């Protein structure tokens, strides 16, 4: 074991971000009781600009840049992120040191009238800040109206349940609701045929400097099967040349000793959607998982994915 005695974490200040950071600290504390752990809240650009749709704020790095700066300046040792918010390319000197076991990556529908996706009335207003969710929703139900929604999880729930609110329903990730103990508001858990998740959805990434002592500690809480699946998903996104603001979805899992990766690229208006799937013998290293994602991205490009993305 390394000689590191104290680890300093950086986190955003939302309830969900704090839950995730405290969860990581709990896992480490249980594994290495002698470690002293502390954290500080760091505001990101995405936290400060709350009234502009996310794609217009800046897309890549909007929730991560300030945390990464703190890592580079050694004000903190680790930054905890929702992995789907983390750009596919890591800045020089920084790496993802640990990805713990993933939570349920599904999306959910929340409605004060307990509508399901099938029972939402014609022209219903659905809130989401995700171009991926909006595009897939338009593909399934072109009659629905998607409206941008910002704010933390509780704020969005309040907006969804308000009797005089602007939304008939909203879309949120299952994992965030589960972590905050708010699953009681879910009207429907959407299956993957209807709504494929974002690459890395449901997973937490612990970003750190590329230093052996830090990596040695963090590997204790790393979950390899989750990491392999997410590596394949993020490689699919990277292979398409897309960031977190484009309508790209991917989900990988190990089934019967094979790594199965599903990818989806949607036109922003939902009219066209490309679905691709690839399967590989179970891989034990991230290079092979990455190769699977790149191969699937090439297949999607051959089927016209670039054109869909460029038309956003």
C-alpha atoms as a PDB file:
ATOM      1  CA  UNK A   1       0.000   0.000   0.000  1.00  0.00           C
ATOM      2  CA  UNK A   2       1.165   3.514  -0.758  1.00  0.00           C
ATOM      3  CA  UNK A   3       2.255   6.079   1.783  1.00  0.00           C
ATOM      4  CA  UNK A   4      -0.642   8.444   0.966  1.00  0.00           C
ATOM      5  CA  UNK A   5      -2.363   9.388   4.253  1.00  0.00           C
ATOM      6  CA  UNK A   6      -4.888  11.995   3.092  1.00  0.00           C
ATOM      7  CA  UNK A   7      -7.040  12.204  -0.024  1.00  0.00           C
ATOM      8  CA  UNK A   8      -8.758  15.461  -0.924  1.00  0.00           C
ATOM      9  CA  UNK A   9     -11.835  15.242  -3.119  1.00  0.00           C
ATOM     10  CA  UNK A  10     -13.468  17.880  -5.286  1.00  0.00           C
ATOM     11  CA  UNK A  11     -17.154  17.797  -6.090  1.00  0.00           C
ATOM     12  CA  UNK A  12     -19.965  19.885  -7.458  1.00  0.00           C
ATOM     13  CA  UNK A  13     -22.397  21.136  -4.840  1.00  0.00           C
ATOM     14  CA  UNK A  14     -25.667  19.491  -5.881  1.00  0.00           C
ATOM     15  CA  UNK A  15     -27.256  16.890  -3.631  1.00  0.00           C
ATOM     16  CA  UNK A  16     -26.525  14.201  -6.212  1.00  0.00           C
ATOM     17  CA  UNK A  17     -22.886  15.216  -6.653  1.00  0.00           C
ATOM     18  CA  UNK A  18     -22.408  15.244  -2.885  1.00  0.00           C
ATOM     19  CA  UNK A  19     -24.061  11.833  -2.542  1.00  0.00           C
ATOM     20  CA  UNK A  20     -21.728  10.410  -5.161  1.00  0.00           C
ATOM     21  CA  UNK A  21     -18.635  11.897  -3.542  1.00  0.00           C
ATOM     22  CA  UNK A  22     -19.613  10.669  -0.089  1.00  0.00           C
ATOM     23  CA  UNK A  23     -20.345   7.234  -1.565  1.00  0.00           C
ATOM     24  CA  UNK A  24     -16.847   7.038  -3.054  1.00  0.00           C
ATOM     25  CA  UNK A  25     -15.335   8.199   0.236  1.00  0.00           C
ATOM     26  CA  UNK A  26     -17.345   5.565   2.127  1.00  0.00           C
ATOM     27  CA  UNK A  27     -16.111   2.794  -0.175  1.00  0.00           C
ATOM     28  CA  UNK A  28     -12.512   3.906   0.318  1.00  0.00           C
ATOM     29  CA  UNK A  29     -12.866   4.364   4.058  1.00  0.00           C
ATOM     30  CA  UNK A  30     -14.242   0.841   4.425  1.00  0.00           C
ATOM     31  CA  UNK A  31     -11.359  -0.559   2.373  1.00  0.00           C
ATOM     32  CA  UNK A  32      -8.602   1.553   3.969  1.00  0.00           C
ATOM     33  CA  UNK A  33      -9.714   2.741   7.444  1.00  0.00           C
ATOM     34  CA  UNK A  34      -6.418   4.551   8.077  1.00  0.00           C
ATOM     35  CA  UNK A  35      -6.992   6.993   5.215  1.00  0.00           C
ATOM     36  CA  UNK A  36      -8.059  10.527   6.079  1.00  0.00           C
ATOM     37  CA  UNK A  37     -10.614  11.766   3.550  1.00  0.00           C
ATOM     38  CA  UNK A  38     -11.938  15.272   3.012  1.00  0.00           C
ATOM     39  CA  UNK A  39     -13.772  17.151   0.270  1.00  0.00           C
ATOM     40  CA  UNK A  40     -14.471  20.638  -0.999  1.00  0.00           C
ATOM     41  CA  UNK A  41     -17.249  21.955  -3.231  1.00  0.00           C
ATOM     42  CA  UNK A  42     -16.158  23.486  -6.537  1.00  0.00           C
ATOM     43  CA  UNK A  43     -18.605  25.389  -8.738  1.00  0.00           C
ATOM     44  CA  UNK A  44     -18.527  24.592 -12.452  1.00  0.00           C
ATOM     45  CA  UNK A  45     -19.718  26.652 -15.396  1.00  0.00           C
ATOM     46  CA  UNK A  46     -22.660  24.307 -15.824  1.00  0.00           C
ATOM     47  CA  UNK A  47     -23.749  25.031 -12.242  1.00  0.00           C
ATOM     48  CA  UNK A  48     -23.626  28.790 -12.691  1.00  0.00           C
ATOM     49  CA  UNK A  49     -25.488  29.093 -16.012  1.00  0.00           C
ATOM     50  CA  UNK A  50     -28.925  27.694 -15.189  1.00  0.00           C
ATOM     51  CA  UNK A  51     -31.195  29.345 -17.739  1.00  0.00           C
ATOM     52  CA  UNK A  52     -29.491  28.317 -20.978  1.00  0.00           C
ATOM     53  CA  UNK A  53     -29.881  24.924 -22.711  1.00  0.00           C
ATOM     54  CA  UNK A  54     -26.805  22.796 -22.044  1.00  0.00           C
ATOM     55  CA  UNK A  55     -25.701  22.446 -25.697  1.00  0.00           C
ATOM     56  CA  UNK A  56     -25.531  26.263 -25.886  1.00  0.00           C
ATOM     57  CA  UNK A  57     -23.500  26.528 -22.677  1.00  0.00           C
ATOM     58  CA  UNK A  58     -20.571  24.690 -24.187  1.00  0.00           C
ATOM     59  CA  UNK A  59     -21.141  20.927 -24.167  1.00  0.00           C
ATOM     60  CA  UNK A  60     -17.826  19.206 -23.468  1.00  0.00           C
ATOM     61  CA  UNK A  61     -16.419  19.883 -20.030  1.00  0.00           C
ATOM     62  CA  UNK A  62     -19.212  22.158 -18.863  1.00  0.00           C
ATOM     63  CA  UNK A  63     -19.448  20.259 -15.561  1.00  0.00           C
ATOM     64  CA  UNK A  64     -15.807  19.178 -15.304  1.00  0.00           C
ATOM     65  CA  UNK A  65     -13.330  21.910 -16.342  1.00  0.00           C
ATOM     66  CA  UNK A  66     -13.065  23.651 -12.961  1.00  0.00           C
ATOM     67  CA  UNK A  67     -12.589  20.339 -11.150  1.00  0.00           C
ATOM     68  CA  UNK A  68      -9.855  19.367 -13.591  1.00  0.00           C
ATOM     69  CA  UNK A  69      -8.090  22.662 -13.002  1.00  0.00           C
ATOM     70  CA  UNK A  70      -8.127  21.982  -9.248  1.00  0.00           C
ATOM     71  CA  UNK A  71      -6.550  18.579  -9.918  1.00  0.00           C
ATOM     72  CA  UNK A  72      -3.805  20.084 -12.055  1.00  0.00           C
ATOM     73  CA  UNK A  73      -3.097  22.698  -9.383  1.00  0.00           C
ATOM     74  CA  UNK A  74      -3.015  19.959  -6.713  1.00  0.00           C
ATOM     75  CA  UNK A  75      -5.697  21.644  -4.634  1.00  0.00           C
ATOM     76  CA  UNK A  76      -7.499  18.299  -4.721  1.00  0.00           C
ATOM     77  CA  UNK A  77      -6.371  14.721  -5.421  1.00  0.00           C
ATOM     78  CA  UNK A  78      -9.587  13.303  -6.856  1.00  0.00           C
ATOM     79  CA  UNK A  79     -12.650  14.670  -8.634  1.00  0.00           C
ATOM     80  CA  UNK A  80     -15.908  12.754  -8.592  1.00  0.00           C
ATOM     81  CA  UNK A  81     -18.097  12.981 -11.699  1.00  0.00           C
ATOM     82  CA  UNK A  82     -21.209  11.439 -13.168  1.00  0.00           C
ATOM     83  CA  UNK A  83     -19.313   9.510 -15.805  1.00  0.00           C
ATOM     84  CA  UNK A  84     -21.675  10.499 -18.621  1.00  0.00           C
ATOM     85  CA  UNK A  85     -20.632  14.154 -18.059  1.00  0.00           C
ATOM     86  CA  UNK A  86     -16.940  13.386 -18.501  1.00  0.00           C
ATOM     87  CA  UNK A  87     -15.499  14.131 -21.974  1.00  0.00           C
ATOM     88  CA  UNK A  88     -14.164  11.054 -23.768  1.00  0.00           C
ATOM     89  CA  UNK A  89     -10.666  12.572 -24.020  1.00  0.00           C
ATOM     90  CA  UNK A  90      -8.798  13.107 -20.764  1.00  0.00           C
ATOM     91  CA  UNK A  91      -6.570  16.189 -20.318  1.00  0.00           C
ATOM     92  CA  UNK A  92      -2.818  15.575 -20.179  1.00  0.00           C
ATOM     93  CA  UNK A  93      -1.776  14.248 -16.783  1.00  0.00           C
ATOM     94  CA  UNK A  94      -5.271  13.196 -15.705  1.00  0.00           C
ATOM     95  CA  UNK A  95      -6.877   9.745 -15.794  1.00  0.00           C
ATOM     96  CA  UNK A  96      -9.972   7.967 -14.554  1.00  0.00           C
ATOM     97  CA  UNK A  97      -8.543   6.153 -11.543  1.00  0.00           C
ATOM     98  CA  UNK A  98     -11.645   4.186 -10.571  1.00  0.00           C
ATOM     99  CA  UNK A  99     -15.128   3.325 -11.795  1.00  0.00           C
ATOM    100  CA  UNK A 100     -17.129   1.550  -9.066  1.00  0.00           C
ATOM    101  CA  UNK A 101     -19.959  -0.849  -9.905  1.00  0.00           C
ATOM    102  CA  UNK A 102     -22.593   0.837 -12.029  1.00  0.00           C
ATOM    103  CA  UNK A 103     -26.166   1.541 -10.966  1.00  0.00           C
ATOM    104  CA  UNK A 104     -29.209   0.985 -13.197  1.00  0.00           C
ATOM    105  CA  UNK A 105     -28.506   3.044 -16.363  1.00  0.00           C
ATOM    106  CA  UNK A 106     -32.140   3.354 -17.482  1.00  0.00           C
ATOM    107  CA  UNK A 107     -34.082   6.573 -18.003  1.00  0.00           C
ATOM    108  CA  UNK A 108     -37.393   7.278 -16.312  1.00  0.00           C
ATOM    109  CA  UNK A 109     -40.550   9.268 -16.984  1.00  0.00           C
ATOM    110  CA  UNK A 110     -41.946  11.440 -14.179  1.00  0.00           C
ATOM    111  CA  UNK A 111     -45.471  12.846 -14.461  1.00  0.00           C
ATOM    112  CA  UNK A 112     -47.835  14.332 -11.902  1.00  0.00           C
ATOM    113  CA  UNK A 113     -50.700  12.460 -13.622  1.00  0.00           C
ATOM    114  CA  UNK A 114     -48.667   9.235 -13.727  1.00  0.00           C
ATOM    115  CA  UNK A 115     -48.624   9.090 -17.500  1.00  0.00           C
ATOM    116  CA  UNK A 116     -46.510   6.472 -19.229  1.00  0.00           C
ATOM    117  CA  UNK A 117     -44.770   7.148 -22.532  1.00  0.00           C
ATOM    118  CA  UNK A 118     -47.655   5.413 -24.291  1.00  0.00           C
ATOM    119  CA  UNK A 119     -50.432   7.282 -22.466  1.00  0.00           C
ATOM    120  CA  UNK A 120     -49.052  10.830 -22.677  1.00  0.00           C
ATOM    121  CA  UNK A 121     -51.706  12.836 -24.528  1.00  0.00           C
ATOM    122  CA  UNK A 122     -51.110  14.214 -27.992  1.00  0.00           C
ATOM    123  CA  UNK A 123     -49.008  17.389 -27.804  1.00  0.00           C
ATOM    124  CA  UNK A 124     -47.916  16.800 -24.199  1.00  0.00           C
ATOM    125  CA  UNK A 125     -44.945  18.865 -23.019  1.00  0.00           C
ATOM    126  CA  UNK A 126     -41.936  16.824 -21.869  1.00  0.00           C
ATOM    127  CA  UNK A 127     -38.954  18.411 -20.136  1.00  0.00           C
ATOM    128  CA  UNK A 128     -35.369  17.306 -20.752  1.00  0.00           C
ATOM    129  CA  UNK A 129     -31.982  19.014 -21.062  1.00  0.00           C
ATOM    130  CA  UNK A 130     -30.568  16.070 -23.038  1.00  0.00           C
ATOM    131  CA  UNK A 131     -30.431  16.147 -26.841  1.00  0.00           C
ATOM    132  CA  UNK A 132     -30.154  12.336 -26.741  1.00  0.00           C
ATOM    133  CA  UNK A 133     -33.382  11.918 -24.764  1.00  0.00           C
ATOM    134  CA  UNK A 134     -35.196  14.555 -26.812  1.00  0.00           C
ATOM    135  CA  UNK A 135     -34.223  12.976 -30.137  1.00  0.00           C
ATOM    136  CA  UNK A 136     -35.235   9.467 -29.079  1.00  0.00           C
ATOM    137  CA  UNK A 137     -38.505  10.796 -27.655  1.00  0.00           C
ATOM    138  CA  UNK A 138     -39.301  12.560 -30.938  1.00  0.00           C
ATOM    139  CA  UNK A 139     -38.593   9.311 -32.790  1.00  0.00           C
ATOM    140  CA  UNK A 140     -41.062   7.419 -30.606  1.00  0.00           C
ATOM    141  CA  UNK A 141     -43.679  10.150 -30.231  1.00  0.00           C
ATOM    142  CA  UNK A 142     -43.277  12.918 -32.844  1.00  0.00           C
ATOM    143  CA  UNK A 143     -46.491  14.488 -31.548  1.00  0.00           C
ATOM    144  CA  UNK A 144     -44.914  15.385 -28.206  1.00  0.00           C
ATOM    145  CA  UNK A 145     -43.312  18.753 -27.514  1.00  0.00           C
ATOM    146  CA  UNK A 146     -39.892  18.687 -25.836  1.00  0.00           C
ATOM    147  CA  UNK A 147     -39.006  21.647 -23.607  1.00  0.00           C
ATOM    148  CA  UNK A 148     -35.619  22.369 -22.073  1.00  0.00           C
ATOM    149  CA  UNK A 149     -35.392  21.994 -18.295  1.00  0.00           C
ATOM    150  CA  UNK A 150     -32.479  22.886 -16.023  1.00  0.00           C
ATOM    151  CA  UNK A 151     -31.738  22.609 -12.317  1.00  0.00           C
ATOM    152  CA  UNK A 152     -30.770  19.838  -9.917  1.00  0.00           C
ATOM    153  CA  UNK A 153     -32.803  16.650  -9.492  1.00  0.00           C
ATOM    154  CA  UNK A 154     -35.120  18.008  -6.785  1.00  0.00           C
ATOM    155  CA  UNK A 155     -35.747  21.216  -8.723  1.00  0.00           C
ATOM    156  CA  UNK A 156     -36.704  19.254 -11.829  1.00  0.00           C
ATOM    157  CA  UNK A 157     -39.005  16.973  -9.831  1.00  0.00           C
ATOM    158  CA  UNK A 158     -40.751  20.004  -8.343  1.00  0.00           C
ATOM    159  CA  UNK A 159     -41.261  21.437 -11.819  1.00  0.00           C
ATOM    160  CA  UNK A 160     -42.638  18.120 -13.073  1.00  0.00           C
ATOM    161  CA  UNK A 161     -45.128  17.731 -10.236  1.00  0.00           C
ATOM    162  CA  UNK A 162     -46.331  21.347 -10.075  1.00  0.00           C
ATOM    163  CA  UNK A 163     -50.054  21.519 -10.937  1.00  0.00           C
ATOM    164  CA  UNK A 164     -49.627  24.781 -12.831  1.00  0.00           C
ATOM    165  CA  UNK A 165     -46.212  23.865 -14.239  1.00  0.00           C
ATOM    166  CA  UNK A 166     -44.925  23.976 -17.813  1.00  0.00           C
ATOM    167  CA  UNK A 167     -44.400  20.211 -18.047  1.00  0.00           C
ATOM    168  CA  UNK A 168     -46.736  17.244 -18.423  1.00  0.00           C
ATOM    169  CA  UNK A 169     -43.746  14.969 -17.785  1.00  0.00           C
ATOM    170  CA  UNK A 170     -39.961  15.034 -17.573  1.00  0.00           C
ATOM    171  CA  UNK A 171     -37.189  12.537 -18.250  1.00  0.00           C
ATOM    172  CA  UNK A 172     -34.523  11.773 -15.635  1.00  0.00           C
ATOM    173  CA  UNK A 173     -31.956   9.029 -15.041  1.00  0.00           C
ATOM    174  CA  UNK A 174     -33.011   6.200 -12.732  1.00  0.00           C
ATOM    175  CA  UNK A 175     -29.633   6.151 -10.965  1.00  0.00           C
ATOM    176  CA  UNK A 176     -29.846   9.725  -9.715  1.00  0.00           C
ATOM    177  CA  UNK A 177     -33.361   9.209  -8.367  1.00  0.00           C
ATOM    178  CA  UNK A 178     -32.331   5.981  -6.656  1.00  0.00           C
ATOM    179  CA  UNK A 179     -29.305   7.607  -5.039  1.00  0.00           C
ATOM    180  CA  UNK A 180     -31.409  10.447  -3.661  1.00  0.00           C
ATOM    181  CA  UNK A 181     -34.227   8.165  -2.492  1.00  0.00           C
ATOM    182  CA  UNK A 182     -36.780   9.639  -4.903  1.00  0.00           C
ATOM    183  CA  UNK A 183     -37.946   6.603  -6.878  1.00  0.00           C
ATOM    184  CA  UNK A 184     -41.488   7.128  -5.608  1.00  0.00           C
ATOM    185  CA  UNK A 185     -41.995   9.879  -8.211  1.00  0.00           C
ATOM    186  CA  UNK A 186     -41.290   7.586 -11.193  1.00  0.00           C
ATOM    187  CA  UNK A 187     -44.258   6.979 -13.486  1.00  0.00           C
ATOM    188  CA  UNK A 188     -42.391   4.598 -15.792  1.00  0.00           C
ATOM    189  CA  UNK A 189     -38.920   3.080 -16.144  1.00  0.00           C
ATOM    190  CA  UNK A 190     -38.189   3.199 -19.877  1.00  0.00           C
ATOM    191  CA  UNK A 191     -36.831   0.067 -21.515  1.00  0.00           C
ATOM    192  CA  UNK A 192     -33.745   0.216 -23.710  1.00  0.00           C
ATOM    193  CA  UNK A 193     -35.716  -0.353 -26.912  1.00  0.00           C
ATOM    194  CA  UNK A 194     -37.484   2.930 -26.269  1.00  0.00           C
ATOM    195  CA  UNK A 195     -34.686   4.954 -24.682  1.00  0.00           C
ATOM    196  CA  UNK A 196     -31.075   3.782 -24.884  1.00  0.00           C
ATOM    197  CA  UNK A 197     -28.934   5.498 -22.213  1.00  0.00           C
ATOM    198  CA  UNK A 198     -26.021   7.860 -22.608  1.00  0.00           C
ATOM    199  CA  UNK A 199     -22.550   6.284 -22.658  1.00  0.00           C
ATOM    200  CA  UNK A 200     -21.539   5.843 -19.018  1.00  0.00           C
ATOM    201  CA  UNK A 201     -24.979   6.616 -17.590  1.00  0.00           C
ATOM    202  CA  UNK A 202     -25.448   5.257 -14.074  1.00  0.00           C
ATOM    203  CA  UNK A 203     -21.702   5.129 -13.414  1.00  0.00           C
ATOM    204  CA  UNK A 204     -19.446   7.304 -11.270  1.00  0.00           C
ATOM    205  CA  UNK A 205     -15.922   8.239 -12.363  1.00  0.00           C
ATOM    206  CA  UNK A 206     -13.123   9.133  -9.961  1.00  0.00           C
ATOM    207  CA  UNK A 207     -10.718  11.330 -11.898  1.00  0.00           C
ATOM    208  CA  UNK A 208      -7.204  11.852 -10.584  1.00  0.00           C
ATOM    209  CA  UNK A 209      -3.662  12.745 -11.563  1.00  0.00           C
ATOM    210  CA  UNK A 210      -1.634  10.080 -13.302  1.00  0.00           C
ATOM    211  CA  UNK A 211       0.437   9.331 -10.212  1.00  0.00           C
ATOM    212  CA  UNK A 212       1.176   5.743  -9.083  1.00  0.00           C
ATOM    213  CA  UNK A 213       0.360   6.292  -5.401  1.00  0.00           C
ATOM    214  CA  UNK A 214      -3.067   7.747  -6.160  1.00  0.00           C
ATOM    215  CA  UNK A 215      -3.864   5.025  -8.684  1.00  0.00           C
ATOM    216  CA  UNK A 216      -2.808   2.309  -6.250  1.00  0.00           C
ATOM    217  CA  UNK A 217      -5.370   3.474  -3.700  1.00  0.00           C
ATOM    218  CA  UNK A 218      -8.222   4.014  -6.140  1.00  0.00           C
ATOM    219  CA  UNK A 219      -7.917   0.601  -7.796  1.00  0.00           C
ATOM    220  CA  UNK A 220      -9.347  -0.895  -4.579  1.00  0.00           C
ATOM    221  CA  UNK A 221     -12.831   0.372  -5.477  1.00  0.00           C
ATOM    222  CA  UNK A 222     -12.578  -0.201  -9.239  1.00  0.00           C
ATOM    223  CA  UNK A 223     -15.130  -2.582 -10.827  1.00  0.00           C
ATOM    224  CA  UNK A 224     -13.586  -4.126 -13.918  1.00  0.00           C
ATOM    225  CA  UNK A 225     -16.752  -5.407 -15.643  1.00  0.00           C
ATOM    226  CA  UNK A 226     -18.332  -1.966 -15.359  1.00  0.00           C
ATOM    227  CA  UNK A 227     -15.157  -0.337 -16.667  1.00  0.00           C
ATOM    228  CA  UNK A 228     -15.000  -2.641 -19.700  1.00  0.00           C
ATOM    229  CA  UNK A 229     -18.627  -1.961 -20.602  1.00  0.00           C
ATOM    230  CA  UNK A 230     -18.234   1.786 -20.265  1.00  0.00           C
ATOM    231  CA  UNK A 231     -14.965   1.796 -22.192  1.00  0.00           C
ATOM    232  CA  UNK A 232     -16.821   0.226 -25.118  1.00  0.00           C
ATOM    233  CA  UNK A 233     -19.670   2.754 -24.839  1.00  0.00           C
ATOM    234  CA  UNK A 234     -17.370   5.766 -24.694  1.00  0.00           C
ATOM    235  CA  UNK A 235     -15.291   4.402 -27.582  1.00  0.00           C
ATOM    236  CA  UNK A 236     -18.476   4.286 -29.651  1.00  0.00           C
ATOM    237  CA  UNK A 237     -19.060   7.965 -28.856  1.00  0.00           C
ATOM    238  CA  UNK A 238     -15.416   8.869 -29.508  1.00  0.00           C
ATOM    239  CA  UNK A 239     -15.414   6.938 -32.783  1.00  0.00           C
ATOM    240  CA  UNK A 240     -18.332   9.035 -33.982  1.00  0.00           C
ATOM    241  CA  UNK A 241     -16.488  12.209 -33.011  1.00  0.00           C
ATOM    242  CA  UNK A 242     -19.270  13.241 -30.671  1.00  0.00           C
ATOM    243  CA  UNK A 243     -19.395  14.780 -27.216  1.00  0.00           C
ATOM    244  CA  UNK A 244     -22.000  14.694 -24.483  1.00  0.00           C
ATOM    245  CA  UNK A 245     -24.218  17.212 -26.316  1.00  0.00           C
ATOM    246  CA  UNK A 246     -24.960  15.077 -29.398  1.00  0.00           C
ATOM    247  CA  UNK A 247     -27.837  12.557 -29.672  1.00  0.00           C
ATOM    248  CA  UNK A 248     -25.711   9.419 -29.285  1.00  0.00           C
ATOM    249  CA  UNK A 249     -26.665   6.527 -26.995  1.00  0.00           C
ATOM    250  CA  UNK A 250     -24.784   3.354 -26.093  1.00  0.00           C
ATOM    251  CA  UNK A 251     -25.092   0.522 -23.617  1.00  0.00           C
ATOM    252  CA  UNK A 252     -22.776  -2.460 -23.111  1.00  0.00           C
ATOM    253  CA  UNK A 253     -23.027  -5.413 -20.755  1.00  0.00           C
ATOM    254  CA  UNK A 254     -21.486  -8.823 -20.303  1.00  0.00           C
ATOM    255  CA  UNK A 255     -23.942 -11.560 -21.265  1.00  0.00           C
ATOM    256  CA  UNK A 256     -23.050 -15.263 -21.323  1.00  0.00           C
ATOM    257  CA  UNK A 257     -19.327 -14.480 -21.244  1.00  0.00           C
ATOM    258  CA  UNK A 258     -19.592 -12.036 -24.138  1.00  0.00           C
ATOM    259  CA  UNK A 259     -19.445  -8.258 -24.254  1.00  0.00           C
ATOM    260  CA  UNK A 260     -22.537  -6.978 -26.068  1.00  0.00           C
ATOM    261  CA  UNK A 261     -22.596  -3.340 -27.170  1.00  0.00           C
ATOM    262  CA  UNK A 262     -25.628  -1.515 -28.523  1.00  0.00           C
ATOM    263  CA  UNK A 263     -25.319   1.897 -30.121  1.00  0.00           C
ATOM    264  CA  UNK A 264     -27.841   4.424 -31.368  1.00  0.00           C
ATOM    265  CA  UNK A 265     -27.522   7.692 -33.281  1.00  0.00           C
ATOM    266  CA  UNK A 266     -30.639   9.811 -33.679  1.00  0.00           C
ATOM    267  CA  UNK A 267     -31.417  12.771 -35.869  1.00  0.00           C
ATOM    268  CA  UNK A 268     -32.265  15.743 -33.618  1.00  0.00           C
ATOM    269  CA  UNK A 269     -35.785  15.853 -35.051  1.00  0.00           C
ATOM    270  CA  UNK A 270     -36.189  12.126 -34.391  1.00  0.00           C
ATOM    271  CA  UNK A 271     -37.192  11.299 -37.955  1.00  0.00           C
ATOM    272  CA  UNK A 272     -34.191   9.038 -38.542  1.00  0.00           C
ATOM    273  CA  UNK A 273     -32.483   6.716 -36.093  1.00  0.00           C
ATOM    274  CA  UNK A 274     -29.615   4.295 -36.600  1.00  0.00           C
ATOM    275  CA  UNK A 275     -29.284   1.256 -34.332  1.00  0.00           C
ATOM    276  CA  UNK A 276     -26.220  -0.994 -34.362  1.00  0.00           C
ATOM    277  CA  UNK A 277     -25.054  -3.914 -32.223  1.00  0.00           C
ATOM    278  CA  UNK A 278     -21.712  -5.695 -31.838  1.00  0.00           C
ATOM    279  CA  UNK A 279     -20.681  -8.712 -29.776  1.00  0.00           C
ATOM    280  CA  UNK A 280     -17.211  -9.859 -28.782  1.00  0.00           C
ATOM    281  CA  UNK A 281     -15.857 -12.677 -26.704  1.00  0.00           C
ATOM    282  CA  UNK A 282     -15.458 -11.433 -23.153  1.00  0.00           C
ATOM    283  CA  UNK A 283     -12.524  -9.070 -23.079  1.00  0.00           C
ATOM    284  CA  UNK A 284     -10.236  -8.725 -20.089  1.00  0.00           C
ATOM    285  CA  UNK A 285      -8.570  -5.489 -21.082  1.00  0.00           C
ATOM    286  CA  UNK A 286      -9.796  -2.019 -21.964  1.00  0.00           C
ATOM    287  CA  UNK A 287      -7.980  -2.008 -25.312  1.00  0.00           C
ATOM    288  CA  UNK A 288     -10.236  -4.783 -26.618  1.00  0.00           C
ATOM    289  CA  UNK A 289     -13.348  -3.101 -25.227  1.00  0.00           C
ATOM    290  CA  UNK A 290     -12.286   0.159 -26.865  1.00  0.00           C
ATOM    291  CA  UNK A 291     -11.741  -1.622 -30.178  1.00  0.00           C
ATOM    292  CA  UNK A 292     -15.284  -3.011 -30.017  1.00  0.00           C
ATOM    293  CA  UNK A 293     -16.704   0.486 -29.601  1.00  0.00           C
ATOM    294  CA  UNK A 294     -14.637   1.902 -32.478  1.00  0.00           C
ATOM    295  CA  UNK A 295     -15.708  -0.962 -34.749  1.00  0.00           C
ATOM    296  CA  UNK A 296     -19.366  -0.318 -33.966  1.00  0.00           C
ATOM    297  CA  UNK A 297     -18.933   3.427 -34.560  1.00  0.00           C
ATOM    298  CA  UNK A 298     -17.541   2.694 -38.026  1.00  0.00           C
ATOM    299  CA  UNK A 299     -20.579   0.562 -38.777  1.00  0.00           C
ATOM    300  CA  UNK A 300     -22.871   3.390 -37.660  1.00  0.00           C
ATOM    301  CA  UNK A 301     -20.944   5.853 -39.858  1.00  0.00           C
ATOM    302  CA  UNK A 302     -21.326   3.517 -42.838  1.00  0.00           C
ATOM    303  CA  UNK A 303     -25.084   3.598 -42.208  1.00  0.00           C
ATOM    304  CA  UNK A 304     -25.142   7.402 -42.248  1.00  0.00           C
ATOM    305  CA  UNK A 305     -24.574   8.434 -38.630  1.00  0.00           C
ATOM    306  CA  UNK A 306     -22.315  11.378 -39.471  1.00  0.00           C
ATOM    307  CA  UNK A 307     -25.029  12.968 -41.542  1.00  0.00           C
ATOM    308  CA  UNK A 308     -27.534  12.730 -38.701  1.00  0.00           C
ATOM    309  CA  UNK A 309     -25.114  14.297 -36.236  1.00  0.00           C
ATOM    310  CA  UNK A 310     -24.089  17.112 -38.566  1.00  0.00           C
ATOM    311  CA  UNK A 311     -27.712  18.120 -39.054  1.00  0.00           C
ATOM    312  CA  UNK A 312     -28.241  18.966 -35.384  1.00  0.00           C
END
